Amino acid sequence: MRHPLRLAIRDAERLLTAAGVDSPRVDAELLAAHVLGVERGTLVMVPLVDSSQVDELAGLVRRRAAREPLQHLTGTAAMGALDVLVGPGVFVPRPETELLLEWGLAALDGVTAPVVVDLCTGSGVLALAVAQARPDAVVHAVELDSSALAWARRNSDVRVSAGDTPIRLHHGDVTDRAVLSEMDGQVDLVLCNPPYVPEGTEVPPEVSTFDPAHAVFSGPDGLTVIRSVVSLAARLLRPGAPVAIEHDDTHGESVPALLRARRVLTDVRAHTDLAGRPRFATAVRATS
């Protein structure tokens, strides 16, 4: 028996709204597109669906209503033109991080065969997005957590199979003063989306229940890892090369201040997201 897809999506939207999901209509449509194996924009071309597809959608909607991340249900997360595999044990990339990626790629304009380092890589999404956009780049990615690193390796293998330039994964701790010491002064761009939420901050169930806590929280002020990242970036960058660090929206003054405190870093700038909230900070390694 065939059923109207629009009714199934309407029912899904109603349930997700009642569950407090932020974007119930979008999530309902994305889950429907996932079940049908089509793009969200083409759902209007699918008026009727099978009972089995309605049941599958309803099952996913119930899980989403329980606040399981949408990306866990579809199995992927997007970053620019790239999709990566995600699931339990790895931080789900957020759309706002695309601003960090865009800034980093713009900073590489005119740099031939750049050396790029992605710190706290998680799923590998930033490193892989850079490698896809800049096939001439040598991209290194550092991750401490073994589970996240396994996801990054899996995603790297997928991208290599698709023809992208391989990235170089490192199992390392960004708070270790010796990490990547062999690359001191040789890096053209450092990117980092670290854990930065102050401990004790209330976060949505999708985060508190499903994202690894060590990938979200970072000390009482949220700056524990960022402090180490600033020092590491200052050591890795060649003169004239930039660093970009994503941070909590309460860090609009503190992270730029940490960057300014390093004498070798200059041209410190704060950047906001599309909603005008502080989102990341950048600096450049001084040339003299």
Protein backbone atom coordinates (compact mmCIF):
# COMPACT_ATOMS: atom_id res chain seq x y z
CA MET A 1 0.00 0.00 0.00
CA ARG A 2 1.25 3.49 -0.85
CA HIS A 3 0.99 6.53 1.43
CA PRO A 4 1.29 10.29 0.87
CA LEU A 5 4.81 11.37 1.81
CA ARG A 6 3.65 14.86 2.81
CA LEU A 7 1.45 13.38 5.56
CA ALA A 8 4.31 11.29 6.91
CA ILE A 9 6.54 14.37 7.00
CA ARG A 10 3.80 16.42 8.64
CA ASP A 11 3.40 13.80 11.37
CA ALA A 12 7.17 13.69 11.83
CA GLU A 13 7.33 17.47 12.14
CA ARG A 14 4.58 17.45 14.76
CA LEU A 15 6.37 14.85 16.88
CA LEU A 16 9.74 16.61 16.63
CA THR A 17 8.16 19.94 17.54
CA ALA A 18 6.64 18.42 20.66
CA ALA A 19 10.05 16.96 21.57
CA GLY A 20 11.69 20.39 21.46
CA VAL A 21 13.87 19.78 18.42
CA ASP A 22 15.17 23.11 17.10
CA SER A 23 14.43 22.56 13.41
CA PRO A 24 11.57 20.05 13.27
CA ARG A 25 10.54 20.57 9.65
CA VAL A 26 14.08 20.48 8.32
CA ASP A 27 14.93 17.39 10.34
CA ALA A 28 11.75 15.63 9.24
CA GLU A 29 12.55 16.31 5.60
CA LEU A 30 16.19 15.29 5.94
CA LEU A 31 15.20 12.01 7.56
CA ALA A 32 12.64 11.39 4.81
CA ALA A 33 15.28 12.10 2.16
CA HIS A 34 17.65 9.70 3.94
CA VAL A 35 15.06 6.91 3.96
CA LEU A 36 14.23 7.45 0.30
CA GLY A 37 17.83 7.91 -0.82
CA VAL A 38 17.13 11.25 -2.48
CA GLU A 39 18.13 14.88 -1.98
CA ARG A 40 15.90 16.92 0.31
CA GLY A 41 15.07 19.31 -2.51
CA THR A 42 13.55 16.52 -4.60
CA LEU A 43 11.05 15.30 -1.98
CA VAL A 44 8.26 17.20 -3.76
CA MET A 45 8.76 14.84 -6.68
CA VAL A 46 7.91 11.81 -4.49
CA PRO A 47 4.17 12.01 -3.74
CA LEU A 48 3.68 8.43 -2.55
CA VAL A 49 5.88 6.02 -0.57
CA ASP A 50 5.63 2.40 0.56
CA SER A 51 4.38 1.37 3.99
CA SER A 52 7.85 0.03 4.83
CA GLN A 53 9.35 3.45 4.11
CA VAL A 54 6.77 5.17 6.30
CA ASP A 55 7.60 2.74 9.11
CA GLU A 56 11.33 3.30 8.68
CA LEU A 57 10.86 7.06 8.78
CA ALA A 58 8.68 6.80 11.88
CA GLY A 59 11.38 4.76 13.65
CA LEU A 60 14.04 7.37 12.88
CA VAL A 61 11.73 10.18 13.94
CA ARG A 62 11.14 8.50 17.31
CA ARG A 63 14.89 8.32 17.84
CA ARG A 64 15.31 11.96 16.83
CA ALA A 65 12.49 12.91 19.21
CA ALA A 66 14.55 11.21 21.93
CA ARG A 67 17.22 13.77 20.92
CA GLU A 68 19.59 11.39 19.20
CA PRO A 69 21.60 13.61 16.83
CA LEU A 70 20.30 13.84 13.29
CA GLN A 71 23.82 13.07 12.02
CA HIS A 72 23.90 9.80 13.96
CA LEU A 73 20.67 8.77 12.27
CA THR A 74 21.82 9.62 8.76
CA GLY A 75 25.41 8.55 9.48
CA THR A 76 27.01 11.67 8.00
CA ALA A 77 27.78 15.31 8.74
CA ALA A 78 28.48 18.01 6.18
CA MET A 79 31.31 20.55 6.00
CA GLY A 80 31.33 22.70 2.90
CA ALA A 81 31.18 20.38 -0.09
CA LEU A 82 32.25 17.40 2.02
CA ASP A 83 30.30 14.76 3.93
CA VAL A 84 32.04 12.70 6.62
CA LEU A 85 30.95 9.63 8.54
CA VAL A 86 30.02 10.22 12.17
CA GLY A 87 28.51 8.23 15.02
CA PRO A 88 29.03 7.28 18.66
CA GLY A 89 32.49 8.16 19.93
CA VAL A 90 33.18 11.24 17.82
CA PHE A 91 32.12 14.88 18.01
CA VAL A 92 29.52 15.85 15.42
CA PRO A 93 30.79 18.82 13.33
CA ARG A 94 28.62 21.94 13.53
CA PRO A 95 27.63 24.15 10.57
CA GLU A 96 29.23 27.25 12.11
CA THR A 97 32.66 25.65 11.76
CA GLU A 98 32.33 26.18 8.01
CA LEU A 99 33.19 29.83 8.70
CA LEU A 100 36.53 28.72 10.14
CA LEU A 101 37.12 26.54 7.08
CA GLU A 102 36.25 29.34 4.65
CA TRP A 103 38.59 31.75 6.44
CA GLY A 104 41.41 29.21 6.40
CA LEU A 105 41.05 28.45 2.70
CA ALA A 106 41.00 32.17 1.89
CA ALA A 107 44.17 32.61 3.94
CA LEU A 108 45.89 30.03 1.72
CA ASP A 109 45.24 32.00 -1.48
CA GLY A 110 48.55 32.50 -3.24
CA VAL A 111 50.38 29.91 -1.13
CA THR A 112 51.74 27.06 -3.24
CA ALA A 113 51.77 23.53 -1.76
CA PRO A 114 50.86 24.77 1.73
CA VAL A 115 51.53 22.79 4.89
CA VAL A 116 48.37 22.81 7.03
CA VAL A 117 47.81 21.47 10.56
CA ASP A 118 44.36 20.70 11.97
CA LEU A 119 44.50 20.35 15.77
CA CYS A 120 41.81 18.40 17.68
CA THR A 121 40.65 16.97 14.36
CA GLY A 122 37.90 14.66 15.69
CA SER A 123 36.22 13.14 12.64
CA GLY A 124 38.92 14.71 10.47
CA VAL A 125 36.39 16.95 8.79
CA LEU A 126 38.41 20.19 8.69
CA ALA A 127 41.59 18.48 7.52
CA LEU A 128 39.73 16.52 4.86
CA ALA A 129 37.84 19.59 3.65
CA VAL A 130 41.13 21.46 3.23
CA ALA A 131 42.68 18.50 1.38
CA GLN A 132 39.67 18.34 -0.94
CA ALA A 133 39.74 22.07 -1.68
CA ARG A 134 43.54 22.22 -1.99
CA PRO A 135 44.89 19.01 -3.55
CA ASP A 136 48.39 20.53 -3.49
CA ALA A 137 48.35 20.89 0.30
CA VAL A 138 50.13 18.65 2.80
CA VAL A 139 47.58 18.37 5.59
CA HIS A 140 48.38 17.03 9.06
CA ALA A 141 45.66 16.24 11.61
CA VAL A 142 46.19 15.64 15.33
CA GLU A 143 43.76 13.81 17.64
CA LEU A 144 44.22 12.38 21.13
CA ASP A 145 41.13 10.20 21.47
CA SER A 146 41.49 6.74 19.91
CA SER A 147 37.81 6.41 19.05
CA ALA A 148 37.72 9.74 17.26
CA LEU A 149 40.96 8.91 15.49
CA ALA A 150 39.39 5.70 14.18
CA TRP A 151 36.56 7.77 12.68
CA ALA A 152 39.12 10.13 11.14
CA ARG A 153 41.00 7.20 9.58
CA ARG A 154 37.77 5.80 8.19
CA ASN A 155 36.84 9.15 6.69
CA SER A 156 40.34 9.60 5.30
CA ASP A 157 40.13 6.21 3.58
CA VAL A 158 36.80 7.18 2.02
CA ARG A 159 38.19 10.45 0.69
CA VAL A 160 41.33 8.82 -0.68
CA SER A 161 39.11 6.31 -2.50
CA ALA A 162 37.24 9.29 -3.98
CA GLY A 163 40.52 10.70 -5.30
CA ASP A 164 41.39 13.30 -2.66
CA THR A 165 44.95 13.88 -1.48
CA PRO A 166 45.63 11.74 1.63
CA ILE A 167 45.96 13.56 4.95
CA ARG A 168 48.53 12.61 7.58
CA LEU A 169 46.96 11.57 10.87
CA HIS A 170 48.81 11.86 14.18
CA HIS A 171 47.76 10.30 17.48
CA GLY A 172 48.85 13.11 19.76
CA ASP A 173 47.96 15.49 22.58
CA VAL A 174 47.87 19.20 21.74
CA THR A 175 48.75 19.98 25.37
CA ASP A 176 52.04 18.07 24.95
CA ARG A 177 54.80 20.60 24.33
CA ALA A 178 56.62 18.12 22.10
CA VAL A 179 53.76 17.30 19.72
CA LEU A 180 54.76 17.87 16.07
CA SER A 181 58.04 19.42 17.23
CA GLU A 182 59.70 18.30 14.00
CA MET A 183 57.45 20.80 12.15
CA ASP A 184 58.35 23.91 14.15
CA GLY A 185 58.34 27.02 11.98
CA GLN A 186 57.26 25.13 8.84
CA VAL A 187 53.45 25.38 8.85
CA ASP A 188 51.47 27.72 6.57
CA LEU A 189 48.14 27.45 8.41
CA VAL A 190 46.93 26.10 11.75
CA LEU A 191 43.22 25.42 12.22
CA CYS A 192 41.62 24.25 15.44
CA ASN A 193 38.10 23.49 16.61
CA PRO A 194 38.96 22.38 20.16
CA PRO A 195 36.81 21.49 23.15
CA TYR A 196 35.88 24.89 24.56
CA VAL A 197 32.65 24.79 26.56
CA PRO A 198 33.14 25.74 30.23
CA GLU A 199 32.47 22.83 32.57
CA GLY A 200 29.02 22.98 34.13
CA THR A 201 27.45 24.75 31.15
CA GLU A 202 24.01 23.41 30.26
CA VAL A 203 24.04 21.97 26.74
CA PRO A 204 21.34 20.34 24.57
CA PRO A 205 20.65 16.61 25.03
CA GLU A 206 22.23 15.90 21.64
CA VAL A 207 25.50 17.16 23.11
CA SER A 208 25.30 16.04 26.74
CA THR A 209 24.21 12.49 25.90
CA PHE A 210 25.90 11.75 22.59
CA ASP A 211 28.99 13.94 22.03
CA PRO A 212 32.09 12.78 23.96
CA ALA A 213 32.43 15.08 26.98
CA HIS A 214 36.18 15.50 26.44
CA ALA A 215 35.45 16.88 22.95
CA VAL A 216 33.05 19.48 24.36
CA PHE A 217 34.18 20.69 27.78
CA SER A 218 37.59 22.16 28.65
CA GLY A 219 38.07 23.22 32.24
CA PRO A 220 36.13 25.70 34.39
CA ASP A 221 36.50 28.54 31.88
CA GLY A 222 36.54 26.44 28.69
CA LEU A 223 40.05 27.63 27.83
CA THR A 224 42.26 24.79 29.08
CA VAL A 225 42.93 23.28 25.67
CA ILE A 226 42.89 26.62 23.84
CA ARG A 227 45.76 27.91 25.97
CA SER A 228 47.91 25.00 24.79
CA VAL A 229 46.76 25.43 21.20
CA VAL A 230 47.87 29.07 21.18
CA SER A 231 51.35 28.07 22.35
CA LEU A 232 51.53 25.20 19.88
CA ALA A 233 50.44 27.36 16.96
CA ALA A 234 53.01 30.01 17.83
CA ARG A 235 55.67 27.32 17.63
CA LEU A 236 54.46 25.61 14.45
CA LEU A 237 53.79 28.60 12.22
CA ARG A 238 56.31 29.99 9.79
CA PRO A 239 56.69 33.81 9.82
CA GLY A 240 53.68 35.42 8.18
CA ALA A 241 51.45 32.35 8.53
CA PRO A 242 48.04 32.45 10.29
CA VAL A 243 46.16 30.48 12.93
CA ALA A 244 42.38 30.28 13.43
CA ILE A 245 40.79 28.91 16.60
CA GLU A 246 37.07 28.36 17.14
CA HIS A 247 35.78 29.18 20.63
CA ASP A 248 32.71 29.52 22.83
CA ASP A 249 30.54 32.59 22.36
CA THR A 250 31.59 33.71 25.85
CA HIS A 251 35.24 33.85 24.70
CA GLY A 252 34.94 36.86 22.39
CA GLU A 253 37.51 38.78 24.45
CA SER A 254 39.47 36.05 26.24
CA VAL A 255 40.73 34.09 23.22
CA PRO A 256 41.96 37.18 21.32
CA ALA A 257 43.65 38.22 24.58
CA LEU A 258 45.44 34.86 24.77
CA LEU A 259 46.67 35.34 21.21
CA ARG A 260 47.84 38.90 21.88
CA ALA A 261 49.75 37.70 24.93
CA ARG A 262 52.14 35.82 22.64
CA ARG A 263 54.77 38.24 21.39
CA VAL A 264 55.34 36.24 18.21
CA LEU A 265 51.67 36.56 17.20
CA THR A 266 50.30 39.70 15.62
CA ASP A 267 47.26 40.97 13.67
CA VAL A 268 44.86 39.37 16.17
CA ARG A 269 41.24 39.54 15.04
CA ALA A 270 37.90 38.39 16.42
CA HIS A 271 35.29 36.89 14.08
CA THR A 272 31.54 36.43 14.55
CA ASP A 273 29.15 33.85 13.16
CA LEU A 274 26.12 34.61 10.99
CA ALA A 275 24.10 35.45 14.09
CA GLY A 276 26.70 37.99 15.20
CA ARG A 277 28.04 35.86 18.08
CA PRO A 278 31.80 35.59 18.75
CA ARG A 279 32.88 32.38 17.01
CA PHE A 280 36.60 32.25 16.24
CA ALA A 281 39.79 34.26 16.55
CA THR A 282 42.78 34.56 14.22
CA ALA A 283 46.36 35.75 14.41
CA VAL A 284 49.51 35.80 12.26
CA ARG A 285 53.05 34.76 13.18
CA ALA A 286 55.20 37.87 13.21
CA THR A 287 57.81 38.18 10.47
CA SER A 288 60.47 39.70 12.71
